[in-house]
Amino acid sequence: MEEWVPRRETIDKEEALERLARKFFTSHGPAAIHDFIWWSGLTITQCRQAIEMIKSDFICETINGRDFWMKNDIQIPPTDEDYALLLPPFDEFVVSYQNRSEIIEDHHYAKVMTKNGLFSPTIILNGEIIGSWKKVAQKGSPRIELSFFEKTTKKKQDLFKSEIKRLEKFYST
């Protein structure tokens, strides 16, 4: 059996907490402690212990009264151009954070996240959810249909052309 399934490395609870926190804040930072609690299912005490273990490699920035942790060597490239994404339902960008106020306006929240835990595919422009999208079945190949929360200029809509093309190609195969 060991030929097929090698022995697992065993680690103690503290090392497991440290590794989990390091992985979360490296891949999801900037993120708040409540985001880590939400994502991991750990208690606030365990999350505080984990942050204490990794904080020498991370920085904490307070924004709007909330502490956000991120790698201390994070490189945020300057962007002079808009970036547009069409993300699938349950994408980490949306589900990993308990407080989503930085990425979606409160009055649009129910349009992409239902009370029973379902998440719609989202339209992202410069890090903000501005609508949802769906695949529409049609003869030949499927079509992607965008639904913006608010009236959107043709110029902004055109930013999504390559994303639409990518998804339509994906769904056609």
N, C-alpha and C. Protein backbone atom coordinates (compact mmCIF):
# COMPACT_ATOMS: atom_id res chain seq x y z
N MET A 1 0.82 -1.19 0.00
CA MET A 1 0.00 0.00 0.00
C MET A 1 0.87 1.26 0.00
N GLU A 2 1.96 1.26 0.73
CA GLU A 2 2.81 2.46 0.81
C GLU A 2 3.46 2.80 -0.52
N GLU A 3 3.52 1.85 -1.44
CA GLU A 3 4.06 2.15 -2.76
C GLU A 3 3.11 3.08 -3.51
N TRP A 4 1.82 2.90 -3.30
CA TRP A 4 0.83 3.72 -3.99
C TRP A 4 0.50 4.99 -3.22
N VAL A 5 0.46 4.88 -1.93
CA VAL A 5 0.11 6.02 -1.09
C VAL A 5 1.24 6.23 -0.09
N PRO A 6 2.13 7.16 -0.40
CA PRO A 6 3.25 7.37 0.52
C PRO A 6 2.78 7.90 1.87
N ARG A 7 3.60 7.68 2.88
CA ARG A 7 3.27 8.18 4.22
C ARG A 7 3.14 9.70 4.19
N ARG A 8 2.15 10.16 4.91
CA ARG A 8 1.95 11.60 5.02
C ARG A 8 2.90 12.18 6.04
N GLU A 9 3.25 13.40 5.78
CA GLU A 9 4.03 14.15 6.76
C GLU A 9 3.09 14.50 7.91
N THR A 10 3.54 14.31 9.12
CA THR A 10 2.71 14.71 10.26
C THR A 10 3.27 16.00 10.84
N ILE A 11 2.35 16.90 11.13
CA ILE A 11 2.75 18.18 11.72
C ILE A 11 1.87 18.45 12.93
N ASP A 12 2.38 19.27 13.84
CA ASP A 12 1.59 19.58 15.02
C ASP A 12 0.59 20.70 14.71
N LYS A 13 -0.29 20.95 15.65
CA LYS A 13 -1.36 21.91 15.47
C LYS A 13 -0.83 23.32 15.16
N GLU A 14 0.21 23.73 15.87
CA GLU A 14 0.75 25.08 15.68
C GLU A 14 1.31 25.25 14.27
N GLU A 15 2.03 24.24 13.80
CA GLU A 15 2.59 24.32 12.45
C GLU A 15 1.48 24.32 11.41
N ALA A 16 0.43 23.55 11.66
CA ALA A 16 -0.71 23.52 10.73
C ALA A 16 -1.37 24.90 10.66
N LEU A 17 -1.56 25.55 11.81
CA LEU A 17 -2.13 26.89 11.84
C LEU A 17 -1.25 27.88 11.08
N GLU A 18 0.05 27.80 11.33
CA GLU A 18 0.99 28.70 10.67
C GLU A 18 0.95 28.51 9.16
N ARG A 19 0.98 27.28 8.71
CA ARG A 19 0.95 27.00 7.26
C ARG A 19 -0.34 27.49 6.61
N LEU A 20 -1.45 27.24 7.28
CA LEU A 20 -2.74 27.65 6.74
C LEU A 20 -2.83 29.17 6.62
N ALA A 21 -2.41 29.87 7.67
CA ALA A 21 -2.44 31.34 7.65
C ALA A 21 -1.51 31.88 6.57
N ARG A 22 -0.33 31.31 6.47
CA ARG A 22 0.64 31.75 5.46
C ARG A 22 0.05 31.58 4.06
N LYS A 23 -0.53 30.42 3.81
CA LYS A 23 -1.12 30.16 2.48
C LYS A 23 -2.28 31.11 2.20
N PHE A 24 -3.15 31.30 3.18
CA PHE A 24 -4.31 32.17 2.97
C PHE A 24 -3.89 33.61 2.69
N PHE A 25 -3.09 34.20 3.57
CA PHE A 25 -2.76 35.62 3.41
C PHE A 25 -1.81 35.87 2.25
N THR A 26 -1.03 34.87 1.86
CA THR A 26 -0.19 35.02 0.67
C THR A 26 -1.05 35.02 -0.59
N SER A 27 -2.02 34.14 -0.65
CA SER A 27 -2.84 34.02 -1.86
C SER A 27 -4.06 34.94 -1.88
N HIS A 28 -4.52 35.40 -0.73
CA HIS A 28 -5.74 36.20 -0.68
C HIS A 28 -5.54 37.62 -0.15
N GLY A 29 -4.34 37.94 0.31
CA GLY A 29 -4.10 39.25 0.87
C GLY A 29 -4.17 40.34 -0.18
N PRO A 30 -4.57 41.53 0.21
CA PRO A 30 -4.91 41.92 1.56
C PRO A 30 -6.25 41.32 2.00
N ALA A 31 -6.25 40.81 3.21
CA ALA A 31 -7.44 40.19 3.79
C ALA A 31 -7.46 40.46 5.29
N ALA A 32 -8.66 40.50 5.84
CA ALA A 32 -8.85 40.75 7.27
C ALA A 32 -8.96 39.43 8.03
N ILE A 33 -8.80 39.50 9.34
CA ILE A 33 -8.88 38.30 10.16
C ILE A 33 -10.24 37.61 10.01
N HIS A 34 -11.31 38.40 9.87
CA HIS A 34 -12.64 37.79 9.72
C HIS A 34 -12.78 37.06 8.38
N ASP A 35 -12.02 37.51 7.37
CA ASP A 35 -12.00 36.77 6.11
C ASP A 35 -11.33 35.41 6.31
N PHE A 36 -10.25 35.40 7.08
CA PHE A 36 -9.54 34.15 7.38
C PHE A 36 -10.43 33.20 8.19
N ILE A 37 -11.16 33.75 9.15
CA ILE A 37 -12.10 32.93 9.94
C ILE A 37 -13.15 32.33 9.01
N TRP A 38 -13.73 33.16 8.16
CA TRP A 38 -14.77 32.73 7.21
C TRP A 38 -14.24 31.62 6.30
N TRP A 39 -13.07 31.83 5.75
CA TRP A 39 -12.49 30.90 4.78
C TRP A 39 -12.05 29.59 5.42
N SER A 40 -11.46 29.68 6.60
CA SER A 40 -10.85 28.50 7.23
C SER A 40 -11.78 27.72 8.14
N GLY A 41 -12.76 28.39 8.72
CA GLY A 41 -13.62 27.73 9.70
C GLY A 41 -13.00 27.66 11.09
N LEU A 42 -11.85 28.30 11.27
CA LEU A 42 -11.19 28.32 12.57
C LEU A 42 -11.85 29.34 13.50
N THR A 43 -11.54 29.24 14.77
CA THR A 43 -12.05 30.22 15.74
C THR A 43 -11.22 31.50 15.65
N ILE A 44 -11.75 32.56 16.21
CA ILE A 44 -11.01 33.82 16.22
C ILE A 44 -9.71 33.67 17.01
N THR A 45 -9.74 32.90 18.08
CA THR A 45 -8.52 32.68 18.88
C THR A 45 -7.46 31.95 18.06
N GLN A 46 -7.86 30.92 17.35
CA GLN A 46 -6.91 30.18 16.51
C GLN A 46 -6.36 31.08 15.41
N CYS A 47 -7.21 31.91 14.83
CA CYS A 47 -6.76 32.80 13.75
C CYS A 47 -5.79 33.85 14.28
N ARG A 48 -6.06 34.36 15.46
CA ARG A 48 -5.12 35.33 16.06
C ARG A 48 -3.78 34.67 16.34
N GLN A 49 -3.80 33.44 16.84
CA GLN A 49 -2.55 32.70 17.07
C GLN A 49 -1.79 32.52 15.76
N ALA A 50 -2.50 32.16 14.72
CA ALA A 50 -1.88 31.92 13.42
C ALA A 50 -1.25 33.20 12.88
N ILE A 51 -1.95 34.31 12.98
CA ILE A 51 -1.41 35.58 12.50
C ILE A 51 -0.18 35.97 13.31
N GLU A 52 -0.23 35.73 14.59
CA GLU A 52 0.93 36.02 15.45
C GLU A 52 2.17 35.25 14.96
N MET A 53 1.96 34.02 14.50
CA MET A 53 3.08 33.19 14.03
C MET A 53 3.68 33.67 12.71
N ILE A 54 2.88 34.33 11.88
CA ILE A 54 3.37 34.70 10.54
C ILE A 54 3.65 36.19 10.39
N LYS A 55 3.30 36.99 11.38
CA LYS A 55 3.30 38.44 11.18
C LYS A 55 4.65 39.05 10.82
N SER A 56 5.74 38.38 11.10
CA SER A 56 7.04 38.95 10.73
C SER A 56 7.25 38.96 9.21
N ASP A 57 6.51 38.14 8.47
CA ASP A 57 6.62 38.10 7.01
C ASP A 57 5.47 38.83 6.32
N PHE A 58 4.62 39.47 7.11
CA PHE A 58 3.44 40.13 6.56
C PHE A 58 3.34 41.54 7.11
N ILE A 59 2.60 42.38 6.42
CA ILE A 59 2.34 43.73 6.92
C ILE A 59 0.84 43.88 7.15
N CYS A 60 0.51 44.79 8.02
CA CYS A 60 -0.89 45.06 8.34
C CYS A 60 -1.18 46.51 7.99
N GLU A 61 -2.19 46.73 7.18
CA GLU A 61 -2.62 48.08 6.82
C GLU A 61 -4.04 48.26 7.34
N THR A 62 -4.29 49.39 7.98
CA THR A 62 -5.64 49.69 8.46
C THR A 62 -6.33 50.56 7.42
N ILE A 63 -7.46 50.05 6.92
CA ILE A 63 -8.24 50.76 5.90
C ILE A 63 -9.68 50.82 6.38
N ASN A 64 -10.21 52.03 6.46
CA ASN A 64 -11.59 52.22 6.94
C ASN A 64 -11.82 51.52 8.28
N GLY A 65 -10.84 51.57 9.16
CA GLY A 65 -10.97 50.99 10.49
C GLY A 65 -10.80 49.48 10.57
N ARG A 66 -10.45 48.84 9.46
CA ARG A 66 -10.26 47.38 9.44
C ARG A 66 -8.80 47.08 9.12
N ASP A 67 -8.25 46.09 9.81
CA ASP A 67 -6.86 45.67 9.58
C ASP A 67 -6.81 44.62 8.48
N PHE A 68 -5.97 44.88 7.48
CA PHE A 68 -5.78 43.96 6.36
C PHE A 68 -4.33 43.48 6.34
N TRP A 69 -4.16 42.16 6.26
CA TRP A 69 -2.84 41.55 6.24
C TRP A 69 -2.47 41.14 4.82
N MET A 70 -1.18 41.33 4.48
CA MET A 70 -0.67 40.93 3.17
C MET A 70 0.83 40.69 3.29
N LYS A 71 1.38 39.97 2.31
CA LYS A 71 2.83 39.71 2.30
C LYS A 71 3.57 41.03 2.33
N ASN A 72 4.67 41.08 3.07
CA ASN A 72 5.42 42.33 3.16
C ASN A 72 6.18 42.65 1.89
N ASP A 73 6.30 41.69 0.98
CA ASP A 73 6.98 41.94 -0.29
C ASP A 73 6.00 41.98 -1.46
N ILE A 74 4.73 42.26 -1.15
CA ILE A 74 3.71 42.28 -2.20
C ILE A 74 4.05 43.33 -3.25
N GLN A 75 3.90 42.95 -4.49
CA GLN A 75 4.16 43.86 -5.60
C GLN A 75 2.84 44.14 -6.30
N ILE A 76 2.37 45.34 -6.19
CA ILE A 76 1.14 45.72 -6.87
C ILE A 76 1.53 46.56 -8.08
N PRO A 77 1.41 45.97 -9.26
CA PRO A 77 1.84 46.71 -10.44
C PRO A 77 0.91 47.89 -10.72
N PRO A 78 1.48 49.01 -11.13
CA PRO A 78 0.62 50.15 -11.47
C PRO A 78 -0.19 49.81 -12.72
N THR A 79 -1.45 50.16 -12.70
CA THR A 79 -2.28 49.89 -13.86
C THR A 79 -2.87 51.18 -14.38
N ASP A 80 -2.53 51.49 -15.60
CA ASP A 80 -3.10 52.65 -16.26
C ASP A 80 -4.30 52.24 -17.11
N GLU A 81 -4.46 50.94 -17.28
CA GLU A 81 -5.53 50.43 -18.12
C GLU A 81 -6.58 49.73 -17.27
N ASP A 82 -7.80 49.76 -17.77
CA ASP A 82 -8.88 49.02 -17.12
C ASP A 82 -8.64 47.53 -17.30
N TYR A 83 -9.05 46.74 -16.33
CA TYR A 83 -9.01 45.29 -16.53
C TYR A 83 -10.39 44.73 -16.28
N ALA A 84 -10.77 43.83 -17.16
CA ALA A 84 -12.12 43.27 -17.17
C ALA A 84 -12.04 41.75 -17.10
N LEU A 85 -12.86 41.17 -16.24
CA LEU A 85 -12.89 39.72 -16.07
C LEU A 85 -14.33 39.23 -15.99
N LEU A 86 -14.53 38.01 -16.48
CA LEU A 86 -15.79 37.31 -16.27
C LEU A 86 -15.45 36.09 -15.43
N LEU A 87 -15.89 36.10 -14.19
CA LEU A 87 -15.53 35.03 -13.26
C LEU A 87 -16.68 34.04 -13.09
N PRO A 88 -16.34 32.77 -12.86
CA PRO A 88 -17.37 31.75 -12.68
C PRO A 88 -18.05 31.89 -11.32
N PRO A 89 -19.18 31.20 -11.15
CA PRO A 89 -19.79 31.20 -9.82
C PRO A 89 -18.83 30.56 -8.82
N PHE A 90 -18.89 30.99 -7.59
CA PHE A 90 -18.06 30.47 -6.50
C PHE A 90 -16.57 30.72 -6.70
N ASP A 91 -16.20 31.73 -7.48
CA ASP A 91 -14.79 32.05 -7.63
C ASP A 91 -14.23 32.56 -6.31
N GLU A 92 -12.97 32.24 -6.04
CA GLU A 92 -12.30 32.65 -4.79
C GLU A 92 -12.34 34.16 -4.58
N PHE A 93 -12.31 34.93 -5.66
CA PHE A 93 -12.34 36.39 -5.55
C PHE A 93 -13.58 36.85 -4.78
N VAL A 94 -14.67 36.11 -4.94
CA VAL A 94 -15.93 36.49 -4.31
C VAL A 94 -16.16 35.74 -3.00
N VAL A 95 -15.97 34.44 -2.99
CA VAL A 95 -16.38 33.65 -1.82
C VAL A 95 -15.39 33.65 -0.66
N SER A 96 -14.16 34.05 -0.88
CA SER A 96 -13.14 33.95 0.17
C SER A 96 -13.24 35.02 1.25
N TYR A 97 -14.04 36.02 1.03
CA TYR A 97 -14.07 37.14 1.96
C TYR A 97 -15.43 37.25 2.63
N GLN A 98 -15.40 37.43 3.94
CA GLN A 98 -16.65 37.58 4.68
C GLN A 98 -17.30 38.92 4.35
N ASN A 99 -16.52 39.98 4.35
CA ASN A 99 -17.01 41.31 4.04
C ASN A 99 -16.64 41.62 2.60
N ARG A 100 -17.63 41.79 1.77
CA ARG A 100 -17.38 42.01 0.34
C ARG A 100 -17.64 43.46 -0.08
N SER A 101 -17.73 44.36 0.89
CA SER A 101 -18.07 45.75 0.59
C SER A 101 -17.03 46.45 -0.28
N GLU A 102 -15.81 45.94 -0.31
CA GLU A 102 -14.78 46.54 -1.15
C GLU A 102 -14.93 46.16 -2.62
N ILE A 103 -15.71 45.10 -2.90
CA ILE A 103 -15.82 44.63 -4.28
C ILE A 103 -17.23 44.73 -4.86
N ILE A 104 -18.23 44.99 -4.03
CA ILE A 104 -19.60 45.12 -4.53
C ILE A 104 -20.38 46.07 -3.64
N GLU A 105 -21.16 46.94 -4.26
CA GLU A 105 -22.00 47.85 -3.50
C GLU A 105 -23.12 47.05 -2.83
N ASP A 106 -23.44 47.44 -1.60
CA ASP A 106 -24.43 46.70 -0.80
C ASP A 106 -25.76 46.47 -1.53
N HIS A 107 -26.24 47.47 -2.25
CA HIS A 107 -27.55 47.34 -2.89
C HIS A 107 -27.54 46.39 -4.09
N HIS A 108 -26.36 45.95 -4.53
CA HIS A 108 -26.26 44.98 -5.62
C HIS A 108 -25.96 43.56 -5.12
N TYR A 109 -25.69 43.44 -3.85
CA TYR A 109 -25.25 42.18 -3.26
C TYR A 109 -26.16 41.00 -3.60
N ALA A 110 -27.45 41.16 -3.40
CA ALA A 110 -28.42 40.06 -3.62
C ALA A 110 -28.53 39.66 -5.09
N LYS A 111 -28.01 40.48 -5.98
CA LYS A 111 -28.09 40.16 -7.41
C LYS A 111 -27.09 39.07 -7.82
N VAL A 112 -26.07 38.88 -7.00
CA VAL A 112 -25.07 37.84 -7.33
C VAL A 112 -24.86 36.83 -6.21
N MET A 113 -25.38 37.10 -5.02
CA MET A 113 -25.23 36.19 -3.89
C MET A 113 -26.57 36.00 -3.20
N THR A 114 -27.12 34.81 -3.29
CA THR A 114 -28.44 34.56 -2.72
C THR A 114 -28.35 34.21 -1.25
N LYS A 115 -29.47 34.29 -0.56
CA LYS A 115 -29.52 33.97 0.87
C LYS A 115 -29.22 32.50 1.13
N ASN A 116 -29.46 31.64 0.14
CA ASN A 116 -29.21 30.21 0.35
C ASN A 116 -27.81 29.79 -0.10
N GLY A 117 -26.93 30.76 -0.29
CA GLY A 117 -25.52 30.45 -0.54
C GLY A 117 -25.11 30.22 -1.97
N LEU A 118 -25.95 30.57 -2.92
CA LEU A 118 -25.57 30.43 -4.32
C LEU A 118 -24.92 31.71 -4.82
N PHE A 119 -23.90 31.56 -5.64
CA PHE A 119 -23.19 32.70 -6.21
C PHE A 119 -23.33 32.66 -7.73
N SER A 120 -23.63 33.79 -8.32
CA SER A 120 -23.74 33.88 -9.77
C SER A 120 -22.37 34.15 -10.39
N PRO A 121 -22.22 33.84 -11.68
CA PRO A 121 -21.01 34.28 -12.38
C PRO A 121 -20.98 35.81 -12.37
N THR A 122 -19.82 36.39 -12.20
CA THR A 122 -19.74 37.84 -12.01
C THR A 122 -18.94 38.54 -13.10
N ILE A 123 -19.30 39.80 -13.31
CA ILE A 123 -18.57 40.70 -14.20
C ILE A 123 -17.73 41.59 -13.31
N ILE A 124 -16.43 41.59 -13.53
CA ILE A 124 -15.50 42.37 -12.70
C ILE A 124 -14.85 43.44 -13.57
N LEU A 125 -14.88 44.68 -13.11
CA LEU A 125 -14.16 45.76 -13.77
C LEU A 125 -13.31 46.46 -12.72
N ASN A 126 -12.01 46.40 -12.91
CA ASN A 126 -11.06 47.04 -11.99
C ASN A 126 -11.29 46.63 -10.54
N GLY A 127 -11.54 45.34 -10.33
CA GLY A 127 -11.68 44.80 -8.99
C GLY A 127 -13.04 44.96 -8.34
N GLU A 128 -14.02 45.47 -9.08
CA GLU A 128 -15.36 45.66 -8.53
C GLU A 128 -16.37 44.85 -9.33
N ILE A 129 -17.29 44.21 -8.63
CA ILE A 129 -18.36 43.46 -9.30
C ILE A 129 -19.38 44.47 -9.82
N ILE A 130 -19.57 44.47 -11.15
CA ILE A 130 -20.49 45.44 -11.75
C ILE A 130 -21.66 44.77 -12.47
N GLY A 131 -21.76 43.45 -12.35
CA GLY A 131 -22.86 42.74 -12.99
C GLY A 131 -22.67 41.25 -12.92
N SER A 132 -23.53 40.55 -13.65
CA SER A 132 -23.41 39.09 -13.73
C SER A 132 -23.53 38.67 -15.20
N TRP A 133 -23.16 37.44 -15.46
CA TRP A 133 -23.25 36.93 -16.83
C TRP A 133 -23.83 35.52 -16.80
N LYS A 134 -24.30 35.09 -17.96
CA LYS A 134 -24.80 33.72 -18.05
C LYS A 134 -24.53 33.16 -19.44
N LYS A 135 -24.50 31.85 -19.49
CA LYS A 135 -24.34 31.14 -20.76
C LYS A 135 -25.74 30.90 -21.30
N VAL A 136 -25.96 31.29 -22.55
CA VAL A 136 -27.25 31.10 -23.18
C VAL A 136 -27.10 30.05 -24.27
N ALA A 137 -27.87 28.98 -24.15
CA ALA A 137 -27.81 27.92 -25.15
C ALA A 137 -28.49 28.40 -26.43
N GLN A 138 -27.84 28.12 -27.53
CA GLN A 138 -28.42 28.45 -28.83
C GLN A 138 -27.90 27.44 -29.84
N LYS A 139 -28.56 27.36 -30.96
CA LYS A 139 -28.15 26.42 -32.00
C LYS A 139 -26.73 26.76 -32.45
N GLY A 140 -25.90 25.76 -32.57
CA GLY A 140 -24.51 25.98 -32.94
C GLY A 140 -23.63 25.99 -31.72
N SER A 141 -23.33 27.18 -31.22
CA SER A 141 -22.51 27.26 -30.01
C SER A 141 -23.15 28.23 -29.02
N PRO A 142 -22.87 28.04 -27.74
CA PRO A 142 -23.48 28.91 -26.72
C PRO A 142 -22.99 30.35 -26.84
N ARG A 143 -23.78 31.24 -26.29
CA ARG A 143 -23.47 32.66 -26.30
C ARG A 143 -23.40 33.13 -24.85
N ILE A 144 -22.53 34.08 -24.58
CA ILE A 144 -22.40 34.68 -23.25
C ILE A 144 -23.19 35.99 -23.24
N GLU A 145 -24.05 36.12 -22.24
CA GLU A 145 -24.88 37.31 -22.12
C GLU A 145 -24.51 38.05 -20.83
N LEU A 146 -24.19 39.33 -20.97
CA LEU A 146 -23.82 40.15 -19.82
C LEU A 146 -25.02 40.93 -19.31
N SER A 147 -25.10 41.08 -18.00
CA SER A 147 -26.16 41.86 -17.37
C SER A 147 -25.50 42.80 -16.35
N PHE A 148 -25.37 44.06 -16.73
CA PHE A 148 -24.74 45.05 -15.86
C PHE A 148 -25.75 45.58 -14.85
N PHE A 149 -25.29 45.92 -13.66
CA PHE A 149 -26.17 46.45 -12.63
C PHE A 149 -26.71 47.83 -13.02
N GLU A 150 -25.85 48.60 -13.66
CA GLU A 150 -26.22 49.97 -14.02
C GLU A 150 -25.89 50.21 -15.49
N LYS A 151 -26.47 51.25 -16.04
CA LYS A 151 -26.21 51.60 -17.44
C LYS A 151 -24.70 51.72 -17.63
N THR A 152 -24.21 51.05 -18.66
CA THR A 152 -22.77 50.98 -18.90
C THR A 152 -22.46 51.47 -20.31
N THR A 153 -21.42 52.24 -20.44
CA THR A 153 -21.05 52.78 -21.76
C THR A 153 -20.60 51.66 -22.69
N LYS A 154 -20.71 51.91 -23.98
CA LYS A 154 -20.26 50.95 -25.00
C LYS A 154 -18.76 50.69 -24.82
N LYS A 155 -18.01 51.73 -24.48
CA LYS A 155 -16.57 51.58 -24.28
C LYS A 155 -16.27 50.57 -23.17
N LYS A 156 -17.00 50.65 -22.06
CA LYS A 156 -16.80 49.70 -20.96
C LYS A 156 -17.25 48.30 -21.37
N GLN A 157 -18.37 48.21 -22.07
CA GLN A 157 -18.85 46.91 -22.53
C GLN A 157 -17.83 46.24 -23.44
N ASP A 158 -17.18 47.03 -24.28
CA ASP A 158 -16.19 46.49 -25.22
C ASP A 158 -14.97 45.90 -24.51
N LEU A 159 -14.71 46.33 -23.28
CA LEU A 159 -13.59 45.77 -22.52
C LEU A 159 -13.76 44.27 -22.28
N PHE A 160 -14.97 43.78 -22.36
CA PHE A 160 -15.25 42.37 -22.07
C PHE A 160 -15.27 41.48 -23.31
N LYS A 161 -15.02 42.04 -24.49
CA LYS A 161 -15.09 41.25 -25.72
C LYS A 161 -14.17 40.03 -25.70
N SER A 162 -12.93 40.21 -25.27
CA SER A 162 -12.00 39.08 -25.27
C SER A 162 -12.40 38.02 -24.24
N GLU A 163 -12.95 38.45 -23.11
CA GLU A 163 -13.42 37.51 -22.10
C GLU A 163 -14.62 36.72 -22.62
N ILE A 164 -15.52 37.40 -23.31
CA ILE A 164 -16.69 36.73 -23.89
C ILE A 164 -16.23 35.70 -24.91
N LYS A 165 -15.31 36.10 -25.76
CA LYS A 165 -14.79 35.20 -26.80
C LYS A 165 -14.13 33.97 -26.16
N ARG A 166 -13.35 34.20 -25.10
CA ARG A 166 -12.67 33.10 -24.41
C ARG A 166 -13.67 32.10 -23.84
N LEU A 167 -14.71 32.61 -23.18
CA LEU A 167 -15.71 31.72 -22.58
C LEU A 167 -16.55 31.00 -23.64
N GLU A 168 -16.91 31.70 -24.70
CA GLU A 168 -17.69 31.06 -25.76
C GLU A 168 -16.88 29.94 -26.41
N LYS A 169 -15.60 30.16 -26.58
CA LYS A 169 -14.73 29.11 -27.12
C LYS A 169 -14.68 27.92 -26.15
N PHE A 170 -14.54 28.22 -24.88
CA PHE A 170 -14.49 27.17 -23.86
C PHE A 170 -15.76 26.33 -23.87
N TYR A 171 -16.91 26.99 -23.89
CA TYR A 171 -18.19 26.27 -23.85
C TYR A 171 -18.51 25.56 -25.17
N SER A 172 -17.83 25.93 -26.24
CA SER A 172 -18.06 25.29 -27.53
C SER A 172 -17.31 23.98 -27.69
N THR A 173 -16.33 23.73 -26.83
CA THR A 173 -15.53 22.51 -26.98
C THR A 173 -16.07 21.37 -26.15
